[in-house]
């Protein structure tokens, strides 16, 4: 499919926050346009792991796009915006293939 971005890299970020779920969702919705504007992001999933523990699963079109994001002001603002407690857990994995197109 020409023109459609294909994900090659998955970034999984998990963190604990002082925010309530309602507050976290409000912040996420306010920041949504900034994430939608990132050219290298194919998809982002906002996830809940348990009480006070949330995260994001990002699908990137390339390792270069991920690196560019990681060095951005938007990425640097995540801990403050979401009042992250401690250091977040970050995993980077290669996507081999997807089940559905």
PDB file of N, CA and C in Angstrom:
ATOM      1  N   UNK A   1       0.839  -1.194   0.000  1.00  0.00           N
ATOM      2  CA  UNK A   1       0.000   0.000   0.000  1.00  0.00           C
ATOM      3  C   UNK A   1       0.875   1.245   0.000  1.00  0.00           C
ATOM      4  N   UNK A   2       0.915   1.904  -1.103  1.00  0.00           N
ATOM      5  CA  UNK A   2       1.733   3.100  -1.192  1.00  0.00           C
ATOM      6  C   UNK A   2       1.137   4.222  -0.358  1.00  0.00           C
ATOM      7  N   UNK A   3       2.030   5.012   0.242  1.00  0.00           N
ATOM      8  CA  UNK A   3       1.594   6.151   1.021  1.00  0.00           C
ATOM      9  C   UNK A   3       1.226   5.834   2.462  1.00  0.00           C
ATOM     10  N   UNK A   4       1.007   4.566   2.784  1.00  0.00           N
ATOM     11  CA  UNK A   4       0.647   4.191   4.155  1.00  0.00           C
ATOM     12  C   UNK A   4       1.920   3.880   4.935  1.00  0.00           C
ATOM     13  N   UNK A   5       2.049   4.473   6.104  1.00  0.00           N
ATOM     14  CA  UNK A   5       3.229   4.233   6.931  1.00  0.00           C
ATOM     15  C   UNK A   5       3.201   2.834   7.512  1.00  0.00           C
ATOM     16  N   UNK A   6       4.363   2.223   7.560  1.00  0.00           N
ATOM     17  CA  UNK A   6       4.501   0.888   8.133  1.00  0.00           C
ATOM     18  C   UNK A   6       5.341   1.012   9.394  1.00  0.00           C
ATOM     19  N   UNK A   7       4.887   0.365  10.466  1.00  0.00           N
ATOM     20  CA  UNK A   7       5.631   0.400  11.718  1.00  0.00           C
ATOM     21  C   UNK A   7       6.764  -0.600  11.711  1.00  0.00           C
ATOM     22  N   UNK A   8       7.934  -0.157  12.124  1.00  0.00           N
ATOM     23  CA  UNK A   8       9.086  -1.047  12.203  1.00  0.00           C
ATOM     24  C   UNK A   8       9.644  -1.142  13.617  1.00  0.00           C
ATOM     25  N   UNK A   9       9.325  -0.168  14.451  1.00  0.00           N
ATOM     26  CA  UNK A   9       9.862  -0.090  15.813  1.00  0.00           C
ATOM     27  C   UNK A   9       8.708   0.157  16.789  1.00  0.00           C
ATOM     28  N   UNK A  10       8.713  -0.574  17.906  1.00  0.00           N
ATOM     29  CA  UNK A  10       7.723  -0.349  18.957  1.00  0.00           C
ATOM     30  C   UNK A  10       8.452   0.143  20.207  1.00  0.00           C
ATOM     31  N   UNK A  11       7.914   1.181  20.797  1.00  0.00           N
ATOM     32  CA  UNK A  11       8.444   1.742  22.040  1.00  0.00           C
ATOM     33  C   UNK A  11       7.348   1.587  23.090  1.00  0.00           C
ATOM     34  N   UNK A  12       7.697   0.953  24.204  1.00  0.00           N
ATOM     35  CA  UNK A  12       6.729   0.738  25.279  1.00  0.00           C
ATOM     36  C   UNK A  12       7.213   1.515  26.499  1.00  0.00           C
ATOM     37  N   UNK A  13       6.402   2.465  26.935  1.00  0.00           N
ATOM     38  CA  UNK A  13       6.757   3.306  28.083  1.00  0.00           C
ATOM     39  C   UNK A  13       5.741   3.030  29.186  1.00  0.00           C
ATOM     40  N   UNK A  14       6.239   2.744  30.398  1.00  0.00           N
ATOM     41  CA  UNK A  14       5.376   2.503  31.558  1.00  0.00           C
ATOM     42  C   UNK A  14       5.825   3.430  32.679  1.00  0.00           C
ATOM     43  N   UNK A  15       4.841   4.006  33.379  1.00  0.00           N
ATOM     44  CA  UNK A  15       5.194   4.911  34.476  1.00  0.00           C
ATOM     45  C   UNK A  15       4.112   4.942  35.548  1.00  0.00           C
ATOM     46  N   UNK A  16       4.523   5.361  36.731  1.00  0.00           N
ATOM     47  CA  UNK A  16       3.589   5.612  37.830  1.00  0.00           C
ATOM     48  C   UNK A  16       3.389   7.118  37.896  1.00  0.00           C
ATOM     49  N   UNK A  17       2.186   7.524  38.297  1.00  0.00           N
ATOM     50  CA  UNK A  17       1.856   8.945  38.328  1.00  0.00           C
ATOM     51  C   UNK A  17       1.103   9.322  39.595  1.00  0.00           C
ATOM     52  N   UNK A  18       1.201  10.590  39.933  1.00  0.00           N
ATOM     53  CA  UNK A  18       0.435  11.142  41.051  1.00  0.00           C
ATOM     54  C   UNK A  18      -0.971  11.525  40.600  1.00  0.00           C
ATOM     55  N   UNK A  19      -1.195  11.590  39.287  1.00  0.00           N
ATOM     56  CA  UNK A  19      -2.479  12.025  38.749  1.00  0.00           C
ATOM     57  C   UNK A  19      -3.548  10.944  38.886  1.00  0.00           C
ATOM     58  N   UNK A  20      -4.780  11.379  39.027  1.00  0.00           N
ATOM     59  CA  UNK A  20      -5.909  10.450  38.961  1.00  0.00           C
ATOM     60  C   UNK A  20      -6.088  10.072  37.487  1.00  0.00           C
ATOM     61  N   UNK A  21      -6.855   9.025  37.225  1.00  0.00           N
ATOM     62  CA  UNK A  21      -7.094   8.624  35.841  1.00  0.00           C
ATOM     63  C   UNK A  21      -7.781   9.750  35.062  1.00  0.00           C
ATOM     64  N   UNK A  22      -8.715  10.418  35.689  1.00  0.00           N
ATOM     65  CA  UNK A  22      -9.418  11.529  35.044  1.00  0.00           C
ATOM     66  C   UNK A  22      -8.444  12.649  34.674  1.00  0.00           C
ATOM     67  N   UNK A  23      -7.545  13.001  35.611  1.00  0.00           N
ATOM     68  CA  UNK A  23      -6.557  14.055  35.344  1.00  0.00           C
ATOM     69  C   UNK A  23      -5.593  13.630  34.240  1.00  0.00           C
ATOM     70  N   UNK A  24      -5.159  12.381  34.282  1.00  0.00           N
ATOM     71  CA  UNK A  24      -4.237  11.863  33.273  1.00  0.00           C
ATOM     72  C   UNK A  24      -4.872  11.913  31.884  1.00  0.00           C
ATOM     73  N   UNK A  25      -6.129  11.500  31.776  1.00  0.00           N
ATOM     74  CA  UNK A  25      -6.820  11.521  30.490  1.00  0.00           C
ATOM     75  C   UNK A  25      -6.986  12.951  29.970  1.00  0.00           C
ATOM     76  N   UNK A  26      -7.225  13.891  30.863  1.00  0.00           N
ATOM     77  CA  UNK A  26      -7.348  15.299  30.466  1.00  0.00           C
ATOM     78  C   UNK A  26      -6.037  15.790  29.863  1.00  0.00           C
ATOM     79  N   UNK A  27      -4.921  15.490  30.528  1.00  0.00           N
ATOM     80  CA  UNK A  27      -3.602  15.885  30.023  1.00  0.00           C
ATOM     81  C   UNK A  27      -3.335  15.211  28.674  1.00  0.00           C
ATOM     82  N   UNK A  28      -3.622  13.923  28.579  1.00  0.00           N
ATOM     83  CA  UNK A  28      -3.390  13.178  27.340  1.00  0.00           C
ATOM     84  C   UNK A  28      -4.182  13.778  26.184  1.00  0.00           C
ATOM     85  N   UNK A  29      -5.442  14.104  26.422  1.00  0.00           N
ATOM     86  CA  UNK A  29      -6.277  14.691  25.366  1.00  0.00           C
ATOM     87  C   UNK A  29      -5.763  16.071  24.945  1.00  0.00           C
ATOM     88  N   UNK A  30      -5.276  16.858  25.916  1.00  0.00           N
ATOM     89  CA  UNK A  30      -4.719  18.185  25.600  1.00  0.00           C
ATOM     90  C   UNK A  30      -3.461  18.064  24.745  1.00  0.00           C
ATOM     91  N   UNK A  31      -2.681  17.010  24.969  1.00  0.00           N
ATOM     92  CA  UNK A  31      -1.412  16.828  24.253  1.00  0.00           C
ATOM     93  C   UNK A  31      -1.567  16.025  22.958  1.00  0.00           C
ATOM     94  N   UNK A  32      -2.736  15.451  22.742  1.00  0.00           N
ATOM     95  CA  UNK A  32      -2.974  14.607  21.574  1.00  0.00           C
ATOM     96  C   UNK A  32      -2.583  15.269  20.246  1.00  0.00           C
ATOM     97  N   UNK A  33      -2.943  16.534  19.989  1.00  0.00           N
ATOM     98  CA  UNK A  33      -2.565  17.149  18.707  1.00  0.00           C
ATOM     99  C   UNK A  33      -1.047  17.211  18.491  1.00  0.00           C
ATOM    100  N   UNK A  34      -0.294  17.382  19.565  1.00  0.00           N
ATOM    101  CA  UNK A  34       1.163  17.431  19.440  1.00  0.00           C
ATOM    102  C   UNK A  34       1.702  16.074  18.985  1.00  0.00           C
ATOM    103  N   UNK A  35       1.137  15.004  19.500  1.00  0.00           N
ATOM    104  CA  UNK A  35       1.572  13.669  19.090  1.00  0.00           C
ATOM    105  C   UNK A  35       1.094  13.356  17.676  1.00  0.00           C
ATOM    106  N   UNK A  36      -0.106  13.799  17.319  1.00  0.00           N
ATOM    107  CA  UNK A  36      -0.610  13.573  15.964  1.00  0.00           C
ATOM    108  C   UNK A  36       0.245  14.285  14.921  1.00  0.00           C
ATOM    109  N   UNK A  37       0.899  15.363  15.310  1.00  0.00           N
ATOM    110  CA  UNK A  37       1.718  16.146  14.385  1.00  0.00           C
ATOM    111  C   UNK A  37       3.092  15.517  14.112  1.00  0.00           C
ATOM    112  N   UNK A  38       3.470  14.493  14.857  1.00  0.00           N
ATOM    113  CA  UNK A  38       4.774  13.858  14.658  1.00  0.00           C
ATOM    114  C   UNK A  38       4.723  13.023  13.382  1.00  0.00           C
ATOM    115  N   UNK A  39       5.580  13.334  12.438  1.00  0.00           N
ATOM    116  CA  UNK A  39       5.510  12.663  11.131  1.00  0.00           C
ATOM    117  C   UNK A  39       5.905  11.191  11.182  1.00  0.00           C
ATOM    118  N   UNK A  40       6.799  10.809  12.054  1.00  0.00           N
ATOM    119  CA  UNK A  40       7.289   9.430  12.086  1.00  0.00           C
ATOM    120  C   UNK A  40       6.484   8.452  12.915  1.00  0.00           C
ATOM    121  N   UNK A  41       5.460   8.950  13.603  1.00  0.00           N
ATOM    122  CA  UNK A  41       4.666   8.056  14.451  1.00  0.00           C
ATOM    123  C   UNK A  41       3.534   7.451  13.614  1.00  0.00           C
ATOM    124  N   UNK A  42       3.437   6.141  13.651  1.00  0.00           N
ATOM    125  CA  UNK A  42       2.387   5.434  12.921  1.00  0.00           C
ATOM    126  C   UNK A  42       1.143   5.333  13.798  1.00  0.00           C
ATOM    127  N   UNK A  43       1.362   5.043  15.103  1.00  0.00           N
ATOM    128  CA  UNK A  43       0.246   4.891  16.039  1.00  0.00           C
ATOM    129  C   UNK A  43       0.762   5.066  17.460  1.00  0.00           C
ATOM    130  N   UNK A  44      -0.111   5.485  18.342  1.00  0.00           N
ATOM    131  CA  UNK A  44       0.197   5.540  19.773  1.00  0.00           C
ATOM    132  C   UNK A  44      -1.018   5.011  20.511  1.00  0.00           C
ATOM    133  N   UNK A  45      -0.769   4.088  21.433  1.00  0.00           N
ATOM    134  CA  UNK A  45      -1.822   3.549  22.288  1.00  0.00           C
ATOM    135  C   UNK A  45      -1.572   4.052  23.707  1.00  0.00           C
ATOM    136  N   UNK A  46      -2.600   4.564  24.346  1.00  0.00           N
ATOM    137  CA  UNK A  46      -2.525   5.000  25.738  1.00  0.00           C
ATOM    138  C   UNK A  46      -3.025   3.817  26.565  1.00  0.00           C
ATOM    139  N   UNK A  47      -2.222   3.377  27.521  1.00  0.00           N
ATOM    140  CA  UNK A  47      -2.570   2.157  28.240  1.00  0.00           C
ATOM    141  C   UNK A  47      -2.628   2.376  29.756  1.00  0.00           C
ATOM    142  N   UNK A  48      -3.478   1.559  30.399  1.00  0.00           N
ATOM    143  CA  UNK A  48      -3.582   1.535  31.859  1.00  0.00           C
ATOM    144  C   UNK A  48      -3.093   0.161  32.309  1.00  0.00           C
ATOM    145  N   UNK A  49      -2.113   0.164  33.212  1.00  0.00           N
ATOM    146  CA  UNK A  49      -1.507  -1.081  33.681  1.00  0.00           C
ATOM    147  C   UNK A  49      -2.041  -1.513  35.041  1.00  0.00           C
ATOM    148  N   UNK A  50      -2.526  -0.571  35.817  1.00  0.00           N
ATOM    149  CA  UNK A  50      -3.034  -0.844  37.161  1.00  0.00           C
ATOM    150  C   UNK A  50      -3.282   0.476  37.849  1.00  0.00           C
ATOM    151  N   UNK A  51      -3.672   0.453  39.114  1.00  0.00           N
ATOM    152  CA  UNK A  51      -3.926   1.705  39.836  1.00  0.00           C
ATOM    153  C   UNK A  51      -2.682   2.606  39.839  1.00  0.00           C
ATOM    154  N   UNK A  52      -2.821   3.797  39.291  1.00  0.00           N
ATOM    155  CA  UNK A  52      -1.726   4.761  39.270  1.00  0.00           C
ATOM    156  C   UNK A  52      -0.595   4.425  38.322  1.00  0.00           C
ATOM    157  N   UNK A  53      -0.776   3.423  37.477  1.00  0.00           N
ATOM    158  CA  UNK A  53       0.283   3.022  36.547  1.00  0.00           C
ATOM    159  C   UNK A  53      -0.265   2.998  35.119  1.00  0.00           C
ATOM    160  N   UNK A  54       0.366   3.794  34.274  1.00  0.00           N
ATOM    161  CA  UNK A  54      -0.095   3.987  32.902  1.00  0.00           C
ATOM    162  C   UNK A  54       1.098   3.920  31.956  1.00  0.00           C
ATOM    163  N   UNK A  55       0.829   4.151  30.690  1.00  0.00           N
ATOM    164  CA  UNK A  55       1.919   4.163  29.732  1.00  0.00           C
ATOM    165  C   UNK A  55       1.442   4.448  28.335  1.00  0.00           C
ATOM    166  N   UNK A  56       2.391   4.295  27.433  1.00  0.00           N
ATOM    167  CA  UNK A  56       2.117   4.484  26.016  1.00  0.00           C
ATOM    168  C   UNK A  56       2.857   3.438  25.216  1.00  0.00           C
ATOM    169  N   UNK A  57       2.209   2.959  24.175  1.00  0.00           N
ATOM    170  CA  UNK A  57       2.847   2.058  23.221  1.00  0.00           C
ATOM    171  C   UNK A  57       2.871   2.822  21.905  1.00  0.00           C
ATOM    172  N   UNK A  58       4.071   3.106  21.439  1.00  0.00           N
ATOM    173  CA  UNK A  58       4.263   3.883  20.223  1.00  0.00           C
ATOM    174  C   UNK A  58       4.734   2.955  19.109  1.00  0.00           C
ATOM    175  N   UNK A  59       4.202   3.150  17.919  1.00  0.00           N
ATOM    176  CA  UNK A  59       4.668   2.434  16.742  1.00  0.00           C
ATOM    177  C   UNK A  59       5.322   3.494  15.841  1.00  0.00           C
ATOM    178  N   UNK A  60       6.598   3.270  15.524  1.00  0.00           N
ATOM    179  CA  UNK A  60       7.382   4.220  14.735  1.00  0.00           C
ATOM    180  C   UNK A  60       7.692   3.652  13.365  1.00  0.00           C
ATOM    181  N   UNK A  61       7.833   4.542  12.381  1.00  0.00           N
ATOM    182  CA  UNK A  61       8.155   4.096  11.026  1.00  0.00           C
ATOM    183  C   UNK A  61       9.642   3.804  10.837  1.00  0.00           C
ATOM    184  N   UNK A  62      10.476   4.250  11.792  1.00  0.00           N
ATOM    185  CA  UNK A  62      11.914   3.993  11.695  1.00  0.00           C
ATOM    186  C   UNK A  62      12.592   4.290  13.027  1.00  0.00           C
ATOM    187  N   UNK A  63      13.781   3.740  13.188  1.00  0.00           N
ATOM    188  CA  UNK A  63      14.585   4.021  14.382  1.00  0.00           C
ATOM    189  C   UNK A  63      14.965   5.497  14.421  1.00  0.00           C
ATOM    190  N   UNK A  64      15.144   6.091  13.257  1.00  0.00           N
ATOM    191  CA  UNK A  64      15.505   7.512  13.178  1.00  0.00           C
ATOM    192  C   UNK A  64      14.370   8.388  13.705  1.00  0.00           C
ATOM    193  N   UNK A  65      13.132   8.045  13.353  1.00  0.00           N
ATOM    194  CA  UNK A  65      11.978   8.814  13.856  1.00  0.00           C
ATOM    195  C   UNK A  65      11.882   8.714  15.367  1.00  0.00           C
ATOM    196  N   UNK A  66      12.115   7.524  15.906  1.00  0.00           N
ATOM    197  CA  UNK A  66      12.100   7.336  17.359  1.00  0.00           C
ATOM    198  C   UNK A  66      13.181   8.193  18.011  1.00  0.00           C
ATOM    199  N   UNK A  67      14.392   8.165  17.464  1.00  0.00           N
ATOM    200  CA  UNK A  67      15.493   8.946  18.037  1.00  0.00           C
ATOM    201  C   UNK A  67      15.183  10.439  18.000  1.00  0.00           C
ATOM    202  N   UNK A  68      14.612  10.889  16.896  1.00  0.00           N
ATOM    203  CA  UNK A  68      14.248  12.300  16.762  1.00  0.00           C
ATOM    204  C   UNK A  68      13.237  12.684  17.841  1.00  0.00           C
ATOM    205  N   UNK A  69      12.243  11.833  18.064  1.00  0.00           N
ATOM    206  CA  UNK A  69      11.253  12.089  19.107  1.00  0.00           C
ATOM    207  C   UNK A  69      11.899  12.115  20.487  1.00  0.00           C
ATOM    208  N   UNK A  70      12.754  11.147  20.763  1.00  0.00           N
ATOM    209  CA  UNK A  70      13.372  11.049  22.090  1.00  0.00           C
ATOM    210  C   UNK A  70      14.204  12.281  22.437  1.00  0.00           C
ATOM    211  N   UNK A  71      14.667  12.994  21.425  1.00  0.00           N
ATOM    212  CA  UNK A  71      15.462  14.205  21.637  1.00  0.00           C
ATOM    213  C   UNK A  71      14.615  15.477  21.594  1.00  0.00           C
ATOM    214  N   UNK A  72      13.296  15.323  21.444  1.00  0.00           N
ATOM    215  CA  UNK A  72      12.406  16.482  21.304  1.00  0.00           C
ATOM    216  C   UNK A  72      11.968  17.060  22.647  1.00  0.00           C
ATOM    217  N   UNK A  73      11.491  18.296  22.584  1.00  0.00           N
ATOM    218  CA  UNK A  73      10.930  18.945  23.776  1.00  0.00           C
ATOM    219  C   UNK A  73       9.671  18.213  24.238  1.00  0.00           C
ATOM    220  N   UNK A  74       8.895  17.693  23.296  1.00  0.00           N
ATOM    221  CA  UNK A  74       7.675  16.967  23.648  1.00  0.00           C
ATOM    222  C   UNK A  74       8.005  15.752  24.514  1.00  0.00           C
ATOM    223  N   UNK A  75       8.989  14.975  24.104  1.00  0.00           N
ATOM    224  CA  UNK A  75       9.394  13.805  24.890  1.00  0.00           C
ATOM    225  C   UNK A  75       9.920  14.232  26.259  1.00  0.00           C
ATOM    226  N   UNK A  76      10.710  15.287  26.288  1.00  0.00           N
ATOM    227  CA  UNK A  76      11.285  15.766  27.553  1.00  0.00           C
ATOM    228  C   UNK A  76      10.209  16.253  28.518  1.00  0.00           C
ATOM    229  N   UNK A  77       9.062  16.677  27.994  1.00  0.00           N
ATOM    230  CA  UNK A  77       7.994  17.227  28.840  1.00  0.00           C
ATOM    231  C   UNK A  77       7.093  16.157  29.450  1.00  0.00           C
ATOM    232  N   UNK A  78       7.222  14.910  29.025  1.00  0.00           N
ATOM    233  CA  UNK A  78       6.324  13.852  29.487  1.00  0.00           C
ATOM    234  C   UNK A  78       6.356  13.671  31.010  1.00  0.00           C
ATOM    235  N   UNK A  79       7.528  13.535  31.641  1.00  0.00           N
ATOM    236  CA  UNK A  79       7.530  13.323  33.101  1.00  0.00           C
ATOM    237  C   UNK A  79       6.820  14.433  33.886  1.00  0.00           C
ATOM    238  N   UNK A  80       7.011  15.667  33.485  1.00  0.00           N
ATOM    239  CA  UNK A  80       6.362  16.782  34.178  1.00  0.00           C
ATOM    240  C   UNK A  80       4.868  16.809  33.890  1.00  0.00           C
ATOM    241  N   UNK A  81       4.500  16.660  32.620  1.00  0.00           N
ATOM    242  CA  UNK A  81       3.085  16.731  32.231  1.00  0.00           C
ATOM    243  C   UNK A  81       2.248  15.674  32.944  1.00  0.00           C
ATOM    244  N   UNK A  82       2.823  14.473  33.102  1.00  0.00           N
ATOM    245  CA  UNK A  82       2.073  13.370  33.711  1.00  0.00           C
ATOM    246  C   UNK A  82       2.450  13.123  35.172  1.00  0.00           C
ATOM    247  N   UNK A  83       3.238  14.036  35.745  1.00  0.00           N
ATOM    248  CA  UNK A  83       3.668  13.940  37.149  1.00  0.00           C
ATOM    249  C   UNK A  83       4.166  12.528  37.466  1.00  0.00           C
ATOM    250  N   UNK A  84       5.139  12.100  36.666  1.00  0.00           N
ATOM    251  CA  UNK A  84       5.693  10.758  36.788  1.00  0.00           C
ATOM    252  C   UNK A  84       6.468  10.613  38.097  1.00  0.00           C
ATOM    253  N   UNK A  85       6.234   9.494  38.772  1.00  0.00           N
ATOM    254  CA  UNK A  85       6.926   9.167  40.023  1.00  0.00           C
ATOM    255  C   UNK A  85       8.077   8.227  39.669  1.00  0.00           C
ATOM    256  N   UNK A  86       9.302   8.638  39.979  1.00  0.00           N
ATOM    257  CA  UNK A  86      10.457   7.797  39.670  1.00  0.00           C
ATOM    258  C   UNK A  86      10.756   7.798  38.178  1.00  0.00           C
ATOM    259  N   UNK A  87      11.602   6.863  37.771  1.00  0.00           N
ATOM    260  CA  UNK A  87      11.986   6.760  36.365  1.00  0.00           C
ATOM    261  C   UNK A  87      11.008   5.845  35.623  1.00  0.00           C
ATOM    262  N   UNK A  88      10.598   6.235  34.429  1.00  0.00           N
ATOM    263  CA  UNK A  88       9.712   5.356  33.661  1.00  0.00           C
ATOM    264  C   UNK A  88      10.495   4.149  33.130  1.00  0.00           C
ATOM    265  N   UNK A  89       9.774   3.089  32.835  1.00  0.00           N
ATOM    266  CA  UNK A  89      10.349   1.916  32.188  1.00  0.00           C
ATOM    267  C   UNK A  89      10.165   2.110  30.689  1.00  0.00           C
ATOM    268  N   UNK A  90      11.241   1.953  29.918  1.00  0.00           N
ATOM    269  CA  UNK A  90      11.164   2.133  28.465  1.00  0.00           C
ATOM    270  C   UNK A  90      11.787   0.931  27.780  1.00  0.00           C
ATOM    271  N   UNK A  91      11.024   0.315  26.885  1.00  0.00           N
ATOM    272  CA  UNK A  91      11.511  -0.807  26.086  1.00  0.00           C
ATOM    273  C   UNK A  91      11.378  -0.439  24.614  1.00  0.00           C
ATOM    274  N   UNK A  92      12.379  -0.821  23.826  1.00  0.00           N
ATOM    275  CA  UNK A  92      12.354  -0.609  22.389  1.00  0.00           C
ATOM    276  C   UNK A  92      12.494  -1.986  21.739  1.00  0.00           C
ATOM    277  N   UNK A  93      11.561  -2.335  20.862  1.00  0.00           N
ATOM    278  CA  UNK A  93      11.613  -3.636  20.192  1.00  0.00           C
ATOM    279  C   UNK A  93      11.377  -3.466  18.695  1.00  0.00           C
ATOM    280  N   UNK A  94      11.962  -4.360  17.915  1.00  0.00           N
ATOM    281  CA  UNK A  94      11.735  -4.378  16.475  1.00  0.00           C
ATOM    282  C   UNK A  94      10.453  -5.148  16.186  1.00  0.00           C
ATOM    283  N   UNK A  95       9.677  -4.655  15.244  1.00  0.00           N
ATOM    284  CA  UNK A  95       8.463  -5.342  14.809  1.00  0.00           C
ATOM    285  C   UNK A  95       8.845  -6.242  13.638  1.00  0.00           C
ATOM    286  N   UNK A  96       8.585  -7.532  13.764  1.00  0.00           N
ATOM    287  CA  UNK A  96       8.910  -8.480  12.697  1.00  0.00           C
ATOM    288  C   UNK A  96       7.840  -8.484  11.615  1.00  0.00           C
ATOM    289  N   UNK A  97       6.573  -8.606  12.007  1.00  0.00           N
ATOM    290  CA  UNK A  97       5.453  -8.488  11.084  1.00  0.00           C
ATOM    291  C   UNK A  97       4.184  -8.319  11.889  1.00  0.00           C
ATOM    292  N   UNK A  98       3.101  -7.929  11.209  1.00  0.00           N
ATOM    293  CA  UNK A  98       1.830  -7.748  11.907  1.00  0.00           C
ATOM    294  C   UNK A  98       0.822  -8.755  11.371  1.00  0.00           C
ATOM    295  N   UNK A  99      -0.110  -9.117  12.216  1.00  0.00           N
ATOM    296  CA  UNK A  99      -1.122 -10.106  11.875  1.00  0.00           C
ATOM    297  C   UNK A  99      -2.110  -9.598  10.845  1.00  0.00           C
ATOM    298  N   UNK A 100      -2.617  -8.390  11.060  1.00  0.00           N
ATOM    299  CA  UNK A 100      -3.641  -7.829  10.169  1.00  0.00           C
ATOM    300  C   UNK A 100      -3.111  -6.579   9.481  1.00  0.00           C
ATOM    301  N   UNK A 101      -3.547  -6.395   8.253  1.00  0.00           N
ATOM    302  CA  UNK A 101      -3.054  -5.273   7.470  1.00  0.00           C
ATOM    303  C   UNK A 101      -3.887  -4.062   7.603  1.00  0.00           C
TER     304      UNK A 101
END
